[in-house]
Each structure stands twice: as structure tokens, then as C-alpha cells.
Amino acid sequence: MSTIQTKIGGGLNKIQDTLQQGKQKMQTVQEASQLRQAIDQLRQKRLESIVEIGNSIHKKVRFGLVHDEDFTRISSQIEQVDKEIYELAKNLEQLQLDASQSHLCSNCKNPAQPNDKFCGSCGNAVNIEIKVKEETKICLQCNEDIPESAAFCPCCGTVIQG
């Protein structure tokens, strides 16, 4: 009888040891996960600081407060990318504007062509609004066409002297 108890006791001890090891592994995994999360947060904070210092230097280079060949070269590249982004954003805005100006009859809401004077479905006159393009001027910093009413250049952010 004692051999059975010994075997059962030994088996229970093994199970207990296995459970204890599993518990320790679980704690280790949780601690490692917390450490990884803390590392990721610190890396993100570091990256944000690098971007902040980069923006600060870029502004100082643009306004002639810092003179360094490397910074000037990189700042010129950033300015070129800003111009490309601005152009693409203008194209996107125009595309969305064109798509949103689907011409509908004000009476029956059926589609009408831009050249139509009368609706082909109900015969009512079709009034299509024609948007007047806003006057523009040239930004002295980046040479982009900008709205006449702009206080800041939407491309480079320069204050526009009125």
C-alpha cells in the first residue's frame, strides 16, 4: 500500500513542479511583454524628439538662421517633397470636386449633362452652378500659386505679406 502512496505522491509532486514551472514561465513572459512595451514607448518618444528637433532645424535653415551644407541640402529635399505633396493634394482636391459636382435636375433629381439647358426627363430648365476660380498669387518662398486671400502659404507655411 505504501508503494502506491509513494507512486501517487511522486506523481503529484511532478504535477506540482510542472505547474510551478508553468507559472514561472507565465510570469517571465508577462514581465518580458511589459519590458518590450516600455522599450517601444521609449523608442516612440525618442522618434518624436528626433522629428521635433528636425522640424526646428528645418525651420531655422529655411529662414536663414542656420547655415550648414548638410542641413541646407536636406532642407531643400524636404522643400521639394513639400511641393510634390502640395501638388498631389491640389490634384486630389480637384478630382474630388469634379466627382462631387454630378449634375442633377433640381426638379426630378435625374442626371443632367453639363451642357444641358433642359432636363431630358421632366423638361425643366437645368441650372448648373459654375464655380469662379479664385485669384492667385505667387509665394516668394516656394514659388507656388496660392490663393490671393491666403495669410500663409499652404505649401511651405511661409507667412504671406499682404
C-alpha atoms as a PDB file:
ATOM      1  CA  MET A   1       0.000   0.000   0.000  1.00  0.00           C
ATOM      2  CA  SER A   2       2.836   2.347   0.770  1.00  0.00           C
ATOM      3  CA  THR A   3       4.302   1.860  -2.700  1.00  0.00           C
ATOM      4  CA  ILE A   4       1.054   3.027  -4.263  1.00  0.00           C
ATOM      5  CA  GLN A   5       1.024   6.071  -1.985  1.00  0.00           C
ATOM      6  CA  THR A   6       4.655   6.726  -2.850  1.00  0.00           C
ATOM      7  CA  LYS A   7       3.920   6.499  -6.574  1.00  0.00           C
ATOM      8  CA  ILE A   8       0.853   8.725  -6.278  1.00  0.00           C
ATOM      9  CA  GLY A   9       2.756  11.195  -4.099  1.00  0.00           C
ATOM     10  CA  GLY A  10       5.644  11.239  -6.583  1.00  0.00           C
ATOM     11  CA  GLY A  11       3.228  11.790  -9.466  1.00  0.00           C
ATOM     12  CA  LEU A  12       1.519  14.626  -7.611  1.00  0.00           C
ATOM     13  CA  ASN A  13       4.904  16.192  -6.858  1.00  0.00           C
ATOM     14  CA  LYS A  14       5.795  16.060 -10.562  1.00  0.00           C
ATOM     15  CA  ILE A  15       2.469  17.674 -11.473  1.00  0.00           C
ATOM     16  CA  GLN A  16       3.022  20.328  -8.816  1.00  0.00           C
ATOM     17  CA  ASP A  17       6.544  21.011 -10.132  1.00  0.00           C
ATOM     18  CA  THR A  18       5.262  21.244 -13.700  1.00  0.00           C
ATOM     19  CA  LEU A  19       2.525  23.676 -12.645  1.00  0.00           C
ATOM     20  CA  GLN A  20       5.062  25.761 -10.718  1.00  0.00           C
ATOM     21  CA  GLN A  21       7.384  25.874 -13.753  1.00  0.00           C
ATOM     22  CA  GLY A  22       4.472  26.865 -15.995  1.00  0.00           C
ATOM     23  CA  LYS A  23       3.523  29.609 -13.556  1.00  0.00           C
ATOM     24  CA  GLN A  24       7.103  30.922 -13.516  1.00  0.00           C
ATOM     25  CA  LYS A  25       7.264  30.852 -17.330  1.00  0.00           C
ATOM     26  CA  MET A  26       3.989  32.761 -17.479  1.00  0.00           C
ATOM     27  CA  GLN A  27       5.366  35.425 -15.127  1.00  0.00           C
ATOM     28  CA  THR A  28       8.547  35.659 -17.208  1.00  0.00           C
ATOM     29  CA  VAL A  29       6.530  36.089 -20.398  1.00  0.00           C
ATOM     30  CA  GLN A  30       4.411  38.805 -18.765  1.00  0.00           C
ATOM     31  CA  GLU A  31       7.486  40.650 -17.485  1.00  0.00           C
ATOM     32  CA  ALA A  32       9.147  40.393 -20.902  1.00  0.00           C
ATOM     33  CA  SER A  33       5.994  41.755 -22.530  1.00  0.00           C
ATOM     34  CA  GLN A  34       5.919  44.709 -20.129  1.00  0.00           C
ATOM     35  CA  LEU A  35       9.597  45.421 -20.803  1.00  0.00           C
ATOM     36  CA  ARG A  36       9.030  45.271 -24.585  1.00  0.00           C
ATOM     37  CA  GLN A  37       6.107  47.662 -24.225  1.00  0.00           C
ATOM     38  CA  ALA A  38       8.231  50.085 -22.168  1.00  0.00           C
ATOM     39  CA  ILE A  39      11.021  49.872 -24.762  1.00  0.00           C
ATOM     40  CA  ASP A  40       8.548  50.550 -27.589  1.00  0.00           C
ATOM     41  CA  GLN A  41       7.138  53.576 -25.745  1.00  0.00           C
ATOM     42  CA  LEU A  42      10.623  54.982 -25.166  1.00  0.00           C
ATOM     43  CA  ARG A  43      11.581  54.401 -28.807  1.00  0.00           C
ATOM     44  CA  GLN A  44       8.431  56.231 -29.901  1.00  0.00           C
ATOM     45  CA  LYS A  45       9.239  59.116 -27.548  1.00  0.00           C
ATOM     46  CA  ARG A  46      12.796  59.231 -28.936  1.00  0.00           C
ATOM     47  CA  LEU A  47      11.499  59.261 -32.508  1.00  0.00           C
ATOM     48  CA  GLU A  48       9.107  62.107 -31.696  1.00  0.00           C
ATOM     49  CA  SER A  49      12.004  64.093 -30.200  1.00  0.00           C
ATOM     50  CA  ILE A  50      14.133  63.487 -33.294  1.00  0.00           C
ATOM     51  CA  VAL A  51      11.291  64.685 -35.523  1.00  0.00           C
ATOM     52  CA  GLU A  52      10.808  67.741 -33.308  1.00  0.00           C
ATOM     53  CA  ILE A  53      14.488  68.712 -33.464  1.00  0.00           C
ATOM     54  CA  GLY A  54      14.485  68.057 -37.214  1.00  0.00           C
ATOM     55  CA  ASN A  55      11.494  70.348 -37.707  1.00  0.00           C
ATOM     56  CA  SER A  56      13.161  73.024 -35.607  1.00  0.00           C
ATOM     57  CA  ILE A  57      16.394  72.873 -37.599  1.00  0.00           C
ATOM     58  CA  HIS A  58      14.468  72.780 -40.895  1.00  0.00           C
ATOM     59  CA  LYS A  59      12.618  75.995 -39.965  1.00  0.00           C
ATOM     60  CA  LYS A  60      15.856  77.693 -38.937  1.00  0.00           C
ATOM     61  CA  VAL A  61      17.532  76.692 -42.219  1.00  0.00           C
ATOM     62  CA  ARG A  62      14.535  77.938 -44.242  1.00  0.00           C
ATOM     63  CA  PHE A  63      14.633  81.318 -42.530  1.00  0.00           C
ATOM     64  CA  GLY A  64      18.402  81.639 -42.822  1.00  0.00           C
ATOM     65  CA  LEU A  65      19.147  81.315 -39.109  1.00  0.00           C
ATOM     66  CA  VAL A  66      21.341  78.203 -39.542  1.00  0.00           C
ATOM     67  CA  HIS A  67      23.968  77.784 -42.263  1.00  0.00           C
ATOM     68  CA  ASP A  68      25.191  74.227 -42.725  1.00  0.00           C
ATOM     69  CA  GLU A  69      25.675  72.445 -46.065  1.00  0.00           C
ATOM     70  CA  ASP A  70      24.165  69.153 -44.912  1.00  0.00           C
ATOM     71  CA  PHE A  71      21.165  70.827 -43.292  1.00  0.00           C
ATOM     72  CA  THR A  72      20.635  73.050 -46.345  1.00  0.00           C
ATOM     73  CA  ARG A  73      20.758  70.047 -48.697  1.00  0.00           C
ATOM     74  CA  ILE A  74      18.299  68.055 -46.595  1.00  0.00           C
ATOM     75  CA  SER A  75      16.066  71.106 -46.166  1.00  0.00           C
ATOM     76  CA  SER A  76      15.963  71.538 -49.958  1.00  0.00           C
ATOM     77  CA  GLN A  77      14.918  67.904 -50.321  1.00  0.00           C
ATOM     78  CA  ILE A  78      12.169  68.431 -47.758  1.00  0.00           C
ATOM     79  CA  GLU A  79      11.000  71.551 -49.598  1.00  0.00           C
ATOM     80  CA  GLN A  80      10.837  69.573 -52.863  1.00  0.00           C
ATOM     81  CA  VAL A  81       8.797  66.832 -51.178  1.00  0.00           C
ATOM     82  CA  ASP A  82       6.507  69.507 -49.680  1.00  0.00           C
ATOM     83  CA  LYS A  83       5.898  70.883 -53.187  1.00  0.00           C
ATOM     84  CA  GLU A  84       5.089  67.414 -54.531  1.00  0.00           C
ATOM     85  CA  ILE A  85       2.701  66.770 -51.637  1.00  0.00           C
ATOM     86  CA  TYR A  86       1.038  70.143 -52.238  1.00  0.00           C
ATOM     87  CA  GLU A  87       0.610  69.455 -55.972  1.00  0.00           C
ATOM     88  CA  LEU A  88      -0.809  65.976 -55.349  1.00  0.00           C
ATOM     89  CA  ALA A  89      -3.168  67.350 -52.690  1.00  0.00           C
ATOM     90  CA  LYS A  90      -4.395  70.012 -55.158  1.00  0.00           C
ATOM     91  CA  ASN A  91      -4.954  67.301 -57.779  1.00  0.00           C
ATOM     92  CA  LEU A  92      -6.846  65.176 -55.250  1.00  0.00           C
ATOM     93  CA  GLU A  93      -8.981  68.130 -54.209  1.00  0.00           C
ATOM     94  CA  GLN A  94      -9.804  68.896 -57.852  1.00  0.00           C
ATOM     95  CA  LEU A  95     -10.627  65.241 -58.524  1.00  0.00           C
ATOM     96  CA  GLN A  96     -12.969  65.128 -55.537  1.00  0.00           C
ATOM     97  CA  LEU A  97     -14.535  68.440 -56.545  1.00  0.00           C
ATOM     98  CA  ASP A  98     -15.155  67.182 -60.083  1.00  0.00           C
ATOM     99  CA  ALA A  99     -16.653  63.945 -58.760  1.00  0.00           C
ATOM    100  CA  SER A 100     -18.925  65.762 -56.306  1.00  0.00           C
ATOM    101  CA  GLN A 101     -20.298  68.064 -58.979  1.00  0.00           C
ATOM    102  CA  SER A 102     -22.554  65.472 -60.527  1.00  0.00           C
ATOM    103  CA  HIS A 103     -25.193  67.449 -62.330  1.00  0.00           C
ATOM    104  CA  LEU A 104     -28.745  66.629 -61.267  1.00  0.00           C
ATOM    105  CA  CYS A 105     -32.014  68.210 -62.261  1.00  0.00           C
ATOM    106  CA  SER A 106     -33.246  70.324 -59.348  1.00  0.00           C
ATOM    107  CA  ASN A 107     -36.821  69.173 -60.037  1.00  0.00           C
ATOM    108  CA  CYS A 108     -36.674  65.396 -60.643  1.00  0.00           C
ATOM    109  CA  LYS A 109     -33.081  64.656 -59.499  1.00  0.00           C
ATOM    110  CA  ASN A 110     -32.249  62.759 -62.685  1.00  0.00           C
ATOM    111  CA  PRO A 111     -28.717  63.144 -64.082  1.00  0.00           C
ATOM    112  CA  ALA A 112     -28.120  66.049 -66.449  1.00  0.00           C
ATOM    113  CA  GLN A 113     -25.124  66.798 -68.633  1.00  0.00           C
ATOM    114  CA  PRO A 114     -23.132  69.995 -68.056  1.00  0.00           C
ATOM    115  CA  ASN A 115     -24.236  71.310 -71.486  1.00  0.00           C
ATOM    116  CA  ASP A 116     -27.957  70.579 -70.962  1.00  0.00           C
ATOM    117  CA  LYS A 117     -30.242  73.584 -70.740  1.00  0.00           C
ATOM    118  CA  PHE A 118     -33.347  71.464 -70.076  1.00  0.00           C
ATOM    119  CA  CYS A 119     -33.834  68.145 -68.273  1.00  0.00           C
ATOM    120  CA  GLY A 120     -34.418  65.214 -70.625  1.00  0.00           C
ATOM    121  CA  SER A 121     -36.732  63.548 -68.078  1.00  0.00           C
ATOM    122  CA  CYS A 122     -39.043  66.321 -66.866  1.00  0.00           C
ATOM    123  CA  GLY A 123     -38.339  69.228 -69.241  1.00  0.00           C
ATOM    124  CA  ASN A 124     -37.499  71.779 -66.529  1.00  0.00           C
ATOM    125  CA  ALA A 125     -34.622  74.185 -67.017  1.00  0.00           C
ATOM    126  CA  VAL A 126     -31.333  72.866 -65.643  1.00  0.00           C
ATOM    127  CA  ASN A 127     -29.352  75.388 -63.602  1.00  0.00           C
ATOM    128  CA  ILE A 128     -25.733  74.336 -63.233  1.00  0.00           C
ATOM    129  CA  GLU A 129     -23.606  76.448 -60.931  1.00  0.00           C
ATOM    130  CA  ILE A 130     -20.294  77.467 -62.377  1.00  0.00           C
ATOM    131  CA  LYS A 131     -17.627  77.985 -59.760  1.00  0.00           C
ATOM    132  CA  VAL A 132     -15.431  81.009 -60.243  1.00  0.00           C
ATOM    133  CA  LYS A 133     -11.755  80.246 -59.776  1.00  0.00           C
ATOM    134  CA  GLU A 134     -10.178  82.314 -57.005  1.00  0.00           C
ATOM    135  CA  GLU A 135      -7.415  84.738 -57.912  1.00  0.00           C
ATOM    136  CA  THR A 136      -3.921  83.523 -57.065  1.00  0.00           C
ATOM    137  CA  LYS A 137      -0.511  84.955 -56.312  1.00  0.00           C
ATOM    138  CA  ILE A 138       2.997  83.502 -56.132  1.00  0.00           C
ATOM    139  CA  CYS A 139       4.608  82.571 -52.812  1.00  0.00           C
ATOM    140  CA  LEU A 140       8.010  84.253 -52.654  1.00  0.00           C
ATOM    141  CA  GLN A 141       9.489  81.345 -50.676  1.00  0.00           C
ATOM    142  CA  CYS A 142       8.463  78.289 -52.745  1.00  0.00           C
ATOM    143  CA  ASN A 143       7.136  79.912 -55.975  1.00  0.00           C
ATOM    144  CA  GLU A 144       3.798  78.066 -55.802  1.00  0.00           C
ATOM    145  CA  ASP A 145       0.476  79.539 -56.919  1.00  0.00           C
ATOM    146  CA  ILE A 146      -1.546  80.197 -53.788  1.00  0.00           C
ATOM    147  CA  PRO A 147      -4.967  81.769 -53.181  1.00  0.00           C
ATOM    148  CA  GLU A 148      -4.923  85.569 -53.101  1.00  0.00           C
ATOM    149  CA  SER A 149      -6.660  85.520 -49.710  1.00  0.00           C
ATOM    150  CA  ALA A 150      -4.060  83.238 -48.061  1.00  0.00           C
ATOM    151  CA  ALA A 151      -2.270  84.547 -44.971  1.00  0.00           C
ATOM    152  CA  PHE A 152       0.115  81.570 -45.019  1.00  0.00           C
ATOM    153  CA  CYS A 153       1.404  79.539 -47.949  1.00  0.00           C
ATOM    154  CA  PRO A 154      -0.396  76.168 -47.904  1.00  0.00           C
ATOM    155  CA  CYS A 155       2.690  74.587 -49.496  1.00  0.00           C
ATOM    156  CA  CYS A 156       5.614  75.806 -47.378  1.00  0.00           C
ATOM    157  CA  GLY A 157       3.912  77.564 -44.447  1.00  0.00           C
ATOM    158  CA  THR A 158       5.549  80.938 -45.017  1.00  0.00           C
ATOM    159  CA  VAL A 159       3.698  83.985 -43.712  1.00  0.00           C
ATOM    160  CA  ILE A 160       2.381  85.937 -46.711  1.00  0.00           C
ATOM    161  CA  GLN A 161       2.928  89.670 -46.558  1.00  0.00           C
ATOM    162  CA  GLY A 162      -0.304  91.390 -47.574  1.00  0.00           C
END
